[in-house]
Structures are given as structure tokens and as C-alpha cells.
Amino acid sequence: MAKQTIKAVIDVRFFRDITTSTDKSRFCDIHLDLEPGSDGTIIEINGVRYIRVTGVADLEFRLSKGITHDLAPYIPLGIAFRESPQGNGSAPHPRGTDTFDFKSLKLHDDRLSITDLFAGVKKGTLITYEFFILIQEKNSAKIGIVDPGVDNSESPDL
């Protein structure tokens, strides 16, 4: 199977500054979608949207603002991830360091990209990862976190 190219759009609907937010959630409110023609699919689990990955893939996350996906007033600063408790697979390393290739990490303007090596996924299993992307508001330099989900499954039907 050829390497997939998955281009996700993260629409920041409500920005929360992690240093001052008193809300129950410290994450920014987002809507996750894929660019037209992108590989991968969006699935929904308990009202949360995830990107379904079914093989080795280059993941690109683009920040946008508003329903028209205008250029976002935010820039990505970095990424962290871990295996989510709702996955029924067994990741080779719970932090995902065998699955996500940090050497491939690129930050450019409103985009962040990383390669998903799809390691440790066995037939009939599903491994779900929680992503935390640190973002900065360009005008104010305030820091926020967006939380898109990614799950790895050999079967697109799991």
C-alpha cells in the first residue's frame, strides 16, 4: 500500500489562552475536517471527530479560522501525543514514539506535519492517539492547545 497523504484542517472556533483560562476545558474549541481530495477519512466516536489512518501516512495539520477556512491568526509551535484509552489495540510504546517519526516533524506558517509510521497495528485492532498541538495567537502571543484525534486501524470499517 502506498503512503497516504492526509491533510487535515483544524478550524479554531474559540481560542483559550492556557495561562489564563478558568474554563473547565483548557483546550481551544475546534472543528476537524479534511481538505478536499485528501486521503483518510473522518470518523466520529462519542461526538468527537477523529482522522482514520489505515496505513503509513504523512499527516499535515493546517490551522484555519472560520467556516471559509481563512488563513488562521495562529501558528503551530509543537506537538505531543499519547495512546488514548478508547483504543483497543496495544501500541508498541504508549507515547507513540515508535509510531510517529519525530525526525519528519515540520512547522511552516500555519501548518504542522509529521509521518505516522503505522507501527504495531495488527489485523482487527484499533489504536487511537490523542494529539495535543500547541498553538500561538499571532497578534497577542497567547498560547493555546488544540486536540485533534487520530486512530490507526488496518480496516477502515473498525
N, C-alpha and C. Protein backbone atom coordinates (compact mmCIF):
# COMPACT_ATOMS: atom_id res chain seq x y z
N MET A 1 0.84 -1.19 0.00
CA MET A 1 0.00 0.00 0.00
C MET A 1 0.88 1.25 0.00
N ALA A 2 0.58 2.18 -0.87
CA ALA A 2 1.34 3.43 -0.98
C ALA A 2 1.11 4.31 0.24
N LYS A 3 2.08 5.13 0.52
CA LYS A 3 1.96 6.07 1.64
C LYS A 3 0.82 7.04 1.36
N GLN A 4 -0.03 7.24 2.37
CA GLN A 4 -1.14 8.18 2.26
C GLN A 4 -0.67 9.60 2.57
N THR A 5 -1.36 10.57 2.03
CA THR A 5 -1.14 11.97 2.40
C THR A 5 -2.46 12.49 2.94
N ILE A 6 -2.48 12.75 4.23
CA ILE A 6 -3.70 13.18 4.90
C ILE A 6 -3.54 14.64 5.31
N LYS A 7 -4.39 15.48 4.74
CA LYS A 7 -4.33 16.92 5.00
C LYS A 7 -5.56 17.32 5.81
N ALA A 8 -5.33 17.58 7.07
CA ALA A 8 -6.42 17.93 7.98
C ALA A 8 -6.48 19.45 8.16
N VAL A 9 -7.71 19.93 8.29
CA VAL A 9 -7.94 21.35 8.58
C VAL A 9 -8.47 21.44 10.00
N ILE A 10 -7.80 22.20 10.82
CA ILE A 10 -8.26 22.44 12.20
C ILE A 10 -8.79 23.86 12.25
N ASP A 11 -10.11 23.97 12.28
CA ASP A 11 -10.76 25.27 12.36
C ASP A 11 -10.88 25.65 13.83
N VAL A 12 -10.15 26.66 14.25
CA VAL A 12 -10.20 27.12 15.64
C VAL A 12 -11.44 27.99 15.81
N ARG A 13 -12.43 27.45 16.51
CA ARG A 13 -13.71 28.16 16.68
C ARG A 13 -13.68 29.11 17.87
N PHE A 14 -12.97 28.70 18.94
CA PHE A 14 -12.85 29.55 20.12
C PHE A 14 -11.47 29.32 20.72
N PHE A 15 -10.68 30.38 20.80
CA PHE A 15 -9.32 30.30 21.33
C PHE A 15 -9.33 30.47 22.85
N ARG A 16 -8.65 29.57 23.55
CA ARG A 16 -8.48 29.69 25.00
C ARG A 16 -6.99 29.80 25.31
N ASP A 17 -6.62 30.86 26.01
CA ASP A 17 -5.24 31.04 26.45
C ASP A 17 -5.02 30.12 27.65
N ILE A 18 -4.09 29.17 27.54
CA ILE A 18 -3.91 28.19 28.62
C ILE A 18 -3.37 28.82 29.90
N THR A 19 -2.78 30.00 29.80
CA THR A 19 -2.23 30.61 31.01
C THR A 19 -3.28 31.37 31.82
N THR A 20 -4.41 31.69 31.21
CA THR A 20 -5.41 32.48 31.94
C THR A 20 -6.80 31.86 31.97
N SER A 21 -7.03 30.81 31.21
CA SER A 21 -8.37 30.23 31.12
C SER A 21 -8.81 29.64 32.45
N THR A 22 -10.03 29.96 32.83
CA THR A 22 -10.63 29.35 34.03
C THR A 22 -11.74 28.39 33.64
N ASP A 23 -11.92 28.18 32.32
CA ASP A 23 -12.92 27.23 31.83
C ASP A 23 -12.56 25.82 32.28
N LYS A 24 -13.58 24.96 32.33
CA LYS A 24 -13.37 23.56 32.69
C LYS A 24 -12.37 22.91 31.71
N SER A 25 -12.52 23.22 30.42
CA SER A 25 -11.59 22.73 29.42
C SER A 25 -10.56 23.81 29.12
N ARG A 26 -9.33 23.43 29.03
CA ARG A 26 -8.28 24.38 28.67
C ARG A 26 -7.98 24.34 27.18
N PHE A 27 -8.64 23.42 26.45
CA PHE A 27 -8.41 23.30 25.02
C PHE A 27 -9.23 24.32 24.25
N CYS A 28 -8.71 24.74 23.09
CA CYS A 28 -9.46 25.58 22.17
C CYS A 28 -10.59 24.74 21.57
N ASP A 29 -11.72 25.37 21.31
CA ASP A 29 -12.81 24.68 20.62
C ASP A 29 -12.44 24.63 19.13
N ILE A 30 -12.51 23.43 18.55
CA ILE A 30 -12.12 23.27 17.15
C ILE A 30 -13.14 22.43 16.39
N HIS A 31 -13.04 22.50 15.08
CA HIS A 31 -13.76 21.58 14.19
C HIS A 31 -12.71 20.96 13.29
N LEU A 32 -12.67 19.63 13.24
CA LEU A 32 -11.66 18.91 12.47
C LEU A 32 -12.28 18.41 11.17
N ASP A 33 -11.60 18.65 10.06
CA ASP A 33 -12.08 18.19 8.76
C ASP A 33 -10.88 17.86 7.89
N LEU A 34 -11.11 17.32 6.71
CA LEU A 34 -10.06 17.04 5.75
C LEU A 34 -10.18 17.95 4.55
N GLU A 35 -9.03 18.31 3.96
CA GLU A 35 -9.07 19.09 2.73
C GLU A 35 -9.65 18.23 1.61
N PRO A 36 -10.35 18.82 0.65
CA PRO A 36 -10.90 18.05 -0.48
C PRO A 36 -9.78 17.29 -1.19
N GLY A 37 -10.04 16.01 -1.53
CA GLY A 37 -9.06 15.19 -2.22
C GLY A 37 -8.02 14.54 -1.33
N SER A 38 -8.09 14.80 -0.04
CA SER A 38 -7.13 14.21 0.91
C SER A 38 -7.41 12.74 1.11
N ASP A 39 -6.36 11.96 1.36
CA ASP A 39 -6.54 10.58 1.78
C ASP A 39 -7.10 10.58 3.20
N GLY A 40 -7.51 9.40 3.67
CA GLY A 40 -8.03 9.28 5.04
C GLY A 40 -9.50 9.61 5.10
N THR A 41 -10.08 9.38 6.25
CA THR A 41 -11.49 9.68 6.48
C THR A 41 -11.64 10.28 7.87
N ILE A 42 -12.76 10.94 8.07
CA ILE A 42 -13.12 11.45 9.40
C ILE A 42 -14.18 10.51 9.96
N ILE A 43 -13.98 10.07 11.20
CA ILE A 43 -14.98 9.26 11.89
C ILE A 43 -15.36 10.00 13.16
N GLU A 44 -16.47 9.62 13.75
CA GLU A 44 -16.92 10.26 14.98
C GLU A 44 -17.13 9.19 16.05
N ILE A 45 -16.52 9.38 17.22
CA ILE A 45 -16.66 8.48 18.35
C ILE A 45 -17.13 9.32 19.54
N ASN A 46 -18.31 9.01 20.05
CA ASN A 46 -18.87 9.75 21.19
C ASN A 46 -18.85 11.27 20.96
N GLY A 47 -19.21 11.68 19.75
CA GLY A 47 -19.30 13.11 19.44
C GLY A 47 -17.97 13.79 19.16
N VAL A 48 -16.87 13.02 19.16
CA VAL A 48 -15.54 13.59 18.89
C VAL A 48 -15.08 13.10 17.52
N ARG A 49 -14.60 14.04 16.69
CA ARG A 49 -14.14 13.69 15.34
C ARG A 49 -12.68 13.26 15.38
N TYR A 50 -12.38 12.15 14.67
CA TYR A 50 -11.02 11.62 14.57
C TYR A 50 -10.66 11.43 13.11
N ILE A 51 -9.37 11.45 12.82
CA ILE A 51 -8.87 11.10 11.50
C ILE A 51 -8.58 9.60 11.52
N ARG A 52 -9.14 8.85 10.57
CA ARG A 52 -8.87 7.41 10.46
C ARG A 52 -7.70 7.23 9.50
N VAL A 53 -6.64 6.57 9.98
CA VAL A 53 -5.45 6.27 9.19
C VAL A 53 -5.39 4.76 9.01
N THR A 54 -5.23 4.29 7.76
CA THR A 54 -5.23 2.85 7.50
C THR A 54 -3.90 2.34 6.94
N GLY A 55 -2.85 3.10 7.07
CA GLY A 55 -1.51 2.71 6.63
C GLY A 55 -0.55 3.84 6.87
N VAL A 56 0.70 3.64 6.47
CA VAL A 56 1.72 4.68 6.64
C VAL A 56 1.23 5.96 5.97
N ALA A 57 1.36 7.08 6.67
CA ALA A 57 0.79 8.33 6.15
C ALA A 57 1.59 9.54 6.60
N ASP A 58 1.65 10.53 5.72
CA ASP A 58 2.12 11.85 6.09
C ASP A 58 0.89 12.62 6.55
N LEU A 59 0.92 13.09 7.80
CA LEU A 59 -0.19 13.87 8.36
C LEU A 59 0.19 15.34 8.33
N GLU A 60 -0.67 16.16 7.77
CA GLU A 60 -0.45 17.60 7.78
C GLU A 60 -1.65 18.26 8.43
N PHE A 61 -1.40 19.05 9.44
CA PHE A 61 -2.46 19.78 10.14
C PHE A 61 -2.33 21.25 9.76
N ARG A 62 -3.41 21.82 9.21
CA ARG A 62 -3.42 23.24 8.86
C ARG A 62 -4.41 23.95 9.76
N LEU A 63 -3.98 25.03 10.37
CA LEU A 63 -4.87 25.83 11.21
C LEU A 63 -5.65 26.80 10.34
N SER A 64 -6.94 26.93 10.63
CA SER A 64 -7.76 27.88 9.89
C SER A 64 -8.67 28.62 10.85
N LYS A 65 -9.34 29.61 10.34
CA LYS A 65 -10.24 30.42 11.16
C LYS A 65 -11.52 30.63 10.40
N GLY A 66 -12.63 30.16 10.97
CA GLY A 66 -13.93 30.41 10.37
C GLY A 66 -14.32 29.39 9.32
N ILE A 67 -15.58 29.43 8.97
CA ILE A 67 -16.15 28.43 8.06
C ILE A 67 -15.55 28.49 6.67
N THR A 68 -14.98 29.61 6.28
CA THR A 68 -14.37 29.73 4.95
C THR A 68 -12.92 29.27 4.96
N HIS A 69 -12.43 28.80 6.10
CA HIS A 69 -11.05 28.32 6.25
C HIS A 69 -10.03 29.40 5.88
N ASP A 70 -10.30 30.63 6.28
CA ASP A 70 -9.35 31.71 6.06
C ASP A 70 -8.04 31.40 6.77
N LEU A 71 -6.99 32.06 6.32
CA LEU A 71 -5.70 31.91 6.97
C LEU A 71 -5.85 32.23 8.46
N ALA A 72 -5.39 31.34 9.28
CA ALA A 72 -5.60 31.48 10.73
C ALA A 72 -4.66 32.51 11.33
N PRO A 73 -5.14 33.19 12.37
CA PRO A 73 -4.26 34.10 13.09
C PRO A 73 -3.43 33.35 14.14
N TYR A 74 -3.14 32.07 13.86
CA TYR A 74 -2.40 31.22 14.79
C TYR A 74 -1.28 30.51 14.05
N ILE A 75 -0.23 30.15 14.80
CA ILE A 75 0.85 29.34 14.25
C ILE A 75 1.07 28.14 15.17
N PRO A 76 1.40 26.98 14.60
CA PRO A 76 1.70 25.81 15.44
C PRO A 76 3.10 25.94 16.03
N LEU A 77 3.25 25.52 17.28
CA LEU A 77 4.55 25.58 17.94
C LEU A 77 5.16 24.20 18.17
N GLY A 78 4.31 23.18 18.31
CA GLY A 78 4.81 21.84 18.57
C GLY A 78 3.68 20.87 18.77
N ILE A 79 4.05 19.60 19.02
CA ILE A 79 3.05 18.54 19.12
C ILE A 79 3.46 17.54 20.19
N ALA A 80 2.46 16.97 20.84
CA ALA A 80 2.65 15.86 21.78
C ALA A 80 1.50 14.90 21.56
N PHE A 81 1.68 13.63 21.87
CA PHE A 81 0.60 12.67 21.70
C PHE A 81 0.82 11.49 22.62
N ARG A 82 -0.28 10.74 22.81
CA ARG A 82 -0.23 9.52 23.61
C ARG A 82 -1.35 8.61 23.13
N GLU A 83 -1.22 7.32 23.46
CA GLU A 83 -2.28 6.39 23.12
C GLU A 83 -3.49 6.71 23.98
N SER A 84 -4.65 6.74 23.34
CA SER A 84 -5.90 7.06 24.04
C SER A 84 -6.46 5.81 24.70
N PRO A 85 -7.15 5.96 25.84
CA PRO A 85 -7.73 4.79 26.50
C PRO A 85 -8.83 4.10 25.71
N GLN A 86 -9.47 4.77 24.71
CA GLN A 86 -10.55 4.10 23.99
C GLN A 86 -10.05 3.18 22.88
N GLY A 87 -8.76 3.21 22.53
CA GLY A 87 -8.24 2.29 21.53
C GLY A 87 -8.18 0.89 22.12
N ASN A 88 -8.46 -0.13 21.30
CA ASN A 88 -8.41 -1.50 21.82
C ASN A 88 -7.17 -2.23 21.38
N GLY A 89 -6.25 -1.52 20.74
CA GLY A 89 -5.00 -2.14 20.31
C GLY A 89 -3.96 -2.05 21.40
N SER A 90 -2.77 -2.43 21.06
CA SER A 90 -1.67 -2.35 22.01
C SER A 90 -0.51 -1.69 21.29
N ALA A 91 -0.35 -0.41 21.51
CA ALA A 91 0.72 0.32 20.84
C ALA A 91 2.07 -0.18 21.33
N PRO A 92 3.08 -0.23 20.44
CA PRO A 92 4.40 -0.69 20.85
C PRO A 92 4.99 0.19 21.95
N HIS A 93 4.62 1.45 21.98
CA HIS A 93 5.08 2.35 23.03
C HIS A 93 3.93 3.30 23.32
N PRO A 94 3.45 3.36 24.57
CA PRO A 94 2.23 4.12 24.84
C PRO A 94 2.29 5.59 24.46
N ARG A 95 3.47 6.17 24.37
CA ARG A 95 3.56 7.57 23.97
C ARG A 95 3.58 7.73 22.46
N GLY A 96 3.64 6.61 21.72
CA GLY A 96 3.60 6.68 20.27
C GLY A 96 4.94 6.95 19.61
N THR A 97 6.04 6.89 20.37
CA THR A 97 7.34 7.24 19.77
C THR A 97 7.80 6.24 18.73
N ASP A 98 7.24 5.02 18.70
CA ASP A 98 7.56 4.07 17.63
C ASP A 98 6.65 4.29 16.43
N THR A 99 5.56 4.99 16.61
CA THR A 99 4.58 5.19 15.54
C THR A 99 4.79 6.51 14.80
N PHE A 100 5.12 7.56 15.51
CA PHE A 100 5.26 8.89 14.90
C PHE A 100 6.72 9.26 14.80
N ASP A 101 7.14 9.61 13.60
CA ASP A 101 8.54 9.88 13.28
C ASP A 101 8.86 11.35 13.57
N PHE A 102 9.47 11.58 14.73
CA PHE A 102 9.78 12.97 15.12
C PHE A 102 10.77 13.62 14.16
N LYS A 103 11.61 12.82 13.48
CA LYS A 103 12.55 13.40 12.52
C LYS A 103 11.81 14.04 11.35
N SER A 104 10.58 13.60 11.11
CA SER A 104 9.82 14.14 9.99
C SER A 104 9.04 15.41 10.35
N LEU A 105 9.03 15.78 11.63
CA LEU A 105 8.23 16.93 12.09
C LEU A 105 8.65 18.22 11.38
N LYS A 106 7.66 18.90 10.80
CA LYS A 106 7.92 20.18 10.14
C LYS A 106 6.89 21.20 10.60
N LEU A 107 7.35 22.41 10.85
CA LEU A 107 6.48 23.53 11.17
C LEU A 107 6.70 24.58 10.09
N HIS A 108 5.60 25.02 9.47
CA HIS A 108 5.73 26.03 8.44
C HIS A 108 4.47 26.89 8.43
N ASP A 109 4.60 28.15 8.73
CA ASP A 109 3.48 29.09 8.78
C ASP A 109 2.33 28.52 9.61
N ASP A 110 1.19 28.22 8.95
CA ASP A 110 0.00 27.74 9.66
C ASP A 110 -0.11 26.23 9.64
N ARG A 111 0.99 25.52 9.27
CA ARG A 111 0.94 24.06 9.10
C ARG A 111 1.96 23.35 9.98
N LEU A 112 1.57 22.14 10.40
CA LEU A 112 2.45 21.24 11.12
C LEU A 112 2.29 19.88 10.46
N SER A 113 3.40 19.21 10.13
CA SER A 113 3.30 17.88 9.52
C SER A 113 4.23 16.90 10.22
N ILE A 114 3.80 15.63 10.23
CA ILE A 114 4.56 14.54 10.84
C ILE A 114 4.16 13.25 10.14
N THR A 115 5.06 12.26 10.11
CA THR A 115 4.77 10.98 9.48
C THR A 115 4.27 9.98 10.51
N ASP A 116 3.16 9.33 10.20
CA ASP A 116 2.61 8.23 11.00
C ASP A 116 3.15 6.95 10.37
N LEU A 117 4.06 6.24 11.08
CA LEU A 117 4.68 5.02 10.55
C LEU A 117 3.77 3.81 10.66
N PHE A 118 2.63 3.96 11.33
CA PHE A 118 1.61 2.91 11.44
C PHE A 118 2.20 1.65 12.07
N ALA A 119 3.04 1.84 13.07
CA ALA A 119 3.72 0.71 13.73
C ALA A 119 2.80 0.03 14.74
N GLY A 120 2.92 -1.28 14.84
CA GLY A 120 2.24 -2.03 15.89
C GLY A 120 0.77 -2.32 15.66
N VAL A 121 0.21 -1.93 14.52
CA VAL A 121 -1.20 -2.19 14.28
C VAL A 121 -1.34 -3.60 13.71
N LYS A 122 -2.12 -4.43 14.40
CA LYS A 122 -2.36 -5.80 13.95
C LYS A 122 -3.77 -5.90 13.39
N LYS A 123 -4.00 -6.89 12.52
CA LYS A 123 -5.31 -7.06 11.90
C LYS A 123 -6.40 -7.12 12.98
N GLY A 124 -7.45 -6.35 12.79
CA GLY A 124 -8.56 -6.33 13.73
C GLY A 124 -8.36 -5.46 14.94
N THR A 125 -7.27 -4.70 14.98
CA THR A 125 -7.04 -3.82 16.13
C THR A 125 -7.22 -2.37 15.73
N LEU A 126 -7.36 -1.56 16.71
CA LEU A 126 -7.53 -0.12 16.53
C LEU A 126 -6.71 0.57 17.61
N ILE A 127 -5.84 1.47 17.22
CA ILE A 127 -5.06 2.24 18.18
C ILE A 127 -5.41 3.71 17.96
N THR A 128 -5.93 4.33 18.99
CA THR A 128 -6.34 5.72 18.90
C THR A 128 -5.34 6.58 19.67
N TYR A 129 -4.93 7.69 19.06
CA TYR A 129 -3.97 8.60 19.68
C TYR A 129 -4.63 9.94 19.95
N GLU A 130 -4.31 10.50 21.09
CA GLU A 130 -4.71 11.87 21.41
C GLU A 130 -3.54 12.77 21.04
N PHE A 131 -3.82 13.76 20.22
CA PHE A 131 -2.81 14.73 19.81
C PHE A 131 -3.05 16.02 20.56
N PHE A 132 -1.98 16.67 20.92
CA PHE A 132 -2.07 17.99 21.53
C PHE A 132 -1.13 18.88 20.75
N ILE A 133 -1.69 19.83 20.01
CA ILE A 133 -0.88 20.74 19.22
C ILE A 133 -0.89 22.10 19.92
N LEU A 134 0.30 22.54 20.28
CA LEU A 134 0.47 23.83 20.92
C LEU A 134 0.44 24.91 19.84
N ILE A 135 -0.40 25.93 20.01
CA ILE A 135 -0.51 26.99 19.02
C ILE A 135 -0.31 28.34 19.69
N GLN A 136 0.05 29.33 18.89
CA GLN A 136 0.22 30.69 19.41
C GLN A 136 -0.59 31.65 18.56
N GLU A 137 -1.30 32.54 19.23
CA GLU A 137 -2.05 33.58 18.53
C GLU A 137 -1.03 34.62 18.05
N LYS A 138 -1.05 34.93 16.76
CA LYS A 138 -0.04 35.82 16.18
C LYS A 138 -0.04 37.21 16.79
N ASN A 139 -1.21 37.80 16.97
CA ASN A 139 -1.29 39.19 17.43
C ASN A 139 -0.91 39.38 18.90
N SER A 140 -1.34 38.45 19.75
CA SER A 140 -1.15 38.64 21.19
C SER A 140 -0.04 37.79 21.79
N ALA A 141 0.45 36.80 21.05
CA ALA A 141 1.46 35.83 21.51
C ALA A 141 0.91 34.90 22.60
N LYS A 142 -0.42 34.88 22.79
CA LYS A 142 -1.03 33.96 23.76
C LYS A 142 -0.91 32.53 23.24
N ILE A 143 -0.85 31.58 24.19
CA ILE A 143 -0.65 30.17 23.87
C ILE A 143 -1.95 29.39 24.10
N GLY A 144 -2.27 28.51 23.16
CA GLY A 144 -3.45 27.65 23.28
C GLY A 144 -3.10 26.22 22.88
N ILE A 145 -4.03 25.30 23.12
CA ILE A 145 -3.84 23.90 22.75
C ILE A 145 -5.05 23.43 21.95
N VAL A 146 -4.80 22.78 20.81
CA VAL A 146 -5.86 22.12 20.07
C VAL A 146 -5.64 20.62 20.19
N ASP A 147 -6.74 19.87 20.12
CA ASP A 147 -6.72 18.44 20.44
C ASP A 147 -7.40 17.62 19.36
N PRO A 148 -6.76 17.45 18.16
CA PRO A 148 -7.35 16.57 17.15
C PRO A 148 -7.04 15.13 17.48
N GLY A 149 -7.91 14.20 17.16
CA GLY A 149 -7.67 12.77 17.41
C GLY A 149 -7.29 12.05 16.13
N VAL A 150 -6.45 11.01 16.26
CA VAL A 150 -6.05 10.17 15.13
C VAL A 150 -6.16 8.73 15.58
N ASP A 151 -6.80 7.89 14.77
CA ASP A 151 -6.76 6.46 15.09
C ASP A 151 -6.22 5.66 13.92
N ASN A 152 -5.44 4.64 14.28
CA ASN A 152 -4.81 3.77 13.31
C ASN A 152 -5.53 2.43 13.31
N SER A 153 -6.00 2.01 12.15
CA SER A 153 -6.70 0.73 12.03
C SER A 153 -6.38 0.14 10.66
N GLU A 154 -6.08 -1.17 10.64
CA GLU A 154 -5.83 -1.82 9.36
C GLU A 154 -7.10 -1.85 8.52
N SER A 155 -8.25 -1.86 9.18
CA SER A 155 -9.53 -1.91 8.50
C SER A 155 -10.22 -0.56 8.58
N PRO A 156 -10.65 0.02 7.47
CA PRO A 156 -11.37 1.30 7.54
C PRO A 156 -12.75 1.16 8.17
N ASP A 157 -13.21 -0.08 8.43
CA ASP A 157 -14.54 -0.29 8.98
C ASP A 157 -14.58 -0.45 10.50
N LEU A 158 -13.43 -0.47 11.17
CA LEU A 158 -13.44 -0.65 12.63
C LEU A 158 -14.03 0.55 13.33
